[in-house]
Every structure is written in C-alpha cells, then in structure tokens.
Amino acid sequence: MLIEALTALHDSALASGLRHGRWVYPIANTGHIVGIALLFGSIVPLDLRLAGAWPGIPRDALARVLVPVAITGLILAILTGFLLFSVQPVKYAGTALFQVKMALVLCGAVNALLLRRRANWAASWSAARLRVAGILSSAFWLATLVSGRMLGYI
C-alpha cells in the first residue's frame, strides 16, 4: 500500500513538473534552504539561551521573537521538503538515511512541543532541564541538517 502511494506521488503532475521544469525544482530547493536557515538560525540562539548563554536576556523575550521565526522555517522546510521528496519518493523512503532524517525532525519537533506545552514554560522547568532541552534541540536539528545534506550524495 505504501509503495503504491509513493508510486502515485512519483507519477503525479506535481512531481513531473518538478522533474521536468527548468526552474521549479531549483526554486523548491531554494525554499527548502531558506526554511532550514530560518529554523536553524532561530533555534540555535534560543537553545544556547536555554543552555545558559546570555543570562541577562530574558528567555521569554527571546522566545517571543525567535519561536515564530522557527515555526515559519519549519513549515516552509516541510512543505518544500515534500516537493523535493515527491521527485523520487520510492527511492528516498527506502533509504535509511532519509528515515533517520525524518525521525530526527520528529524528535526535534517533539522536544520543542514538550518544552512549551505549558503557558509558563520557562518558569515551570528547572535550569538543568532547560539546559538539557536546549542541548538536545540543537543536537536534533544539527543532525537533521547533516543527514539531509548527505541525502544529496546518495
């Protein structure tokens, strides 16, 4: 059933347009890079703050600015990533590296959701838990970035 769905995606007009259009795939790829830049570029400073950097800067103020940017980047990366995936979905889905990348994205997103599941999230966690959450977040997203980059070489 999964193979049939992936094959249908591969055979779709969307995927065909991405494969055969002169500019469509490069634009989608650029959008993916912009999404990753927004996500990673906003998550790392927040993670560093959670890990103890810049103690004079309130976590809530930093999060208020950076979290919407990170969410925008994640949404853009997911949407454009789906477009890139659609070009060769059977190949990508069957690759262990792609599966690892998807698991890492899930881990990064779950870590963020667990961290912010309460309205007063920063005050409800100990400094040690915030530090661990920040370090894990950066590790998950960096590993996602590396594994995604490596996909281009297989």
Foldseek 3Di string as FASTA:
>chain_A
DVVVVLVCLQVDPLLVCLVPPPCNVVVLVVLLVQLLCQQLVLLLVLLVVLLPPPVVDDSVVSCVPRVVSNVSSVVSNVVSVVSVCSNPVVVLVPDPLSVLLVVLVVVLVVLVCVQPVDPPRVVVDDSVVSSVSSVSNNVSSVSSVVSVVCVVVD
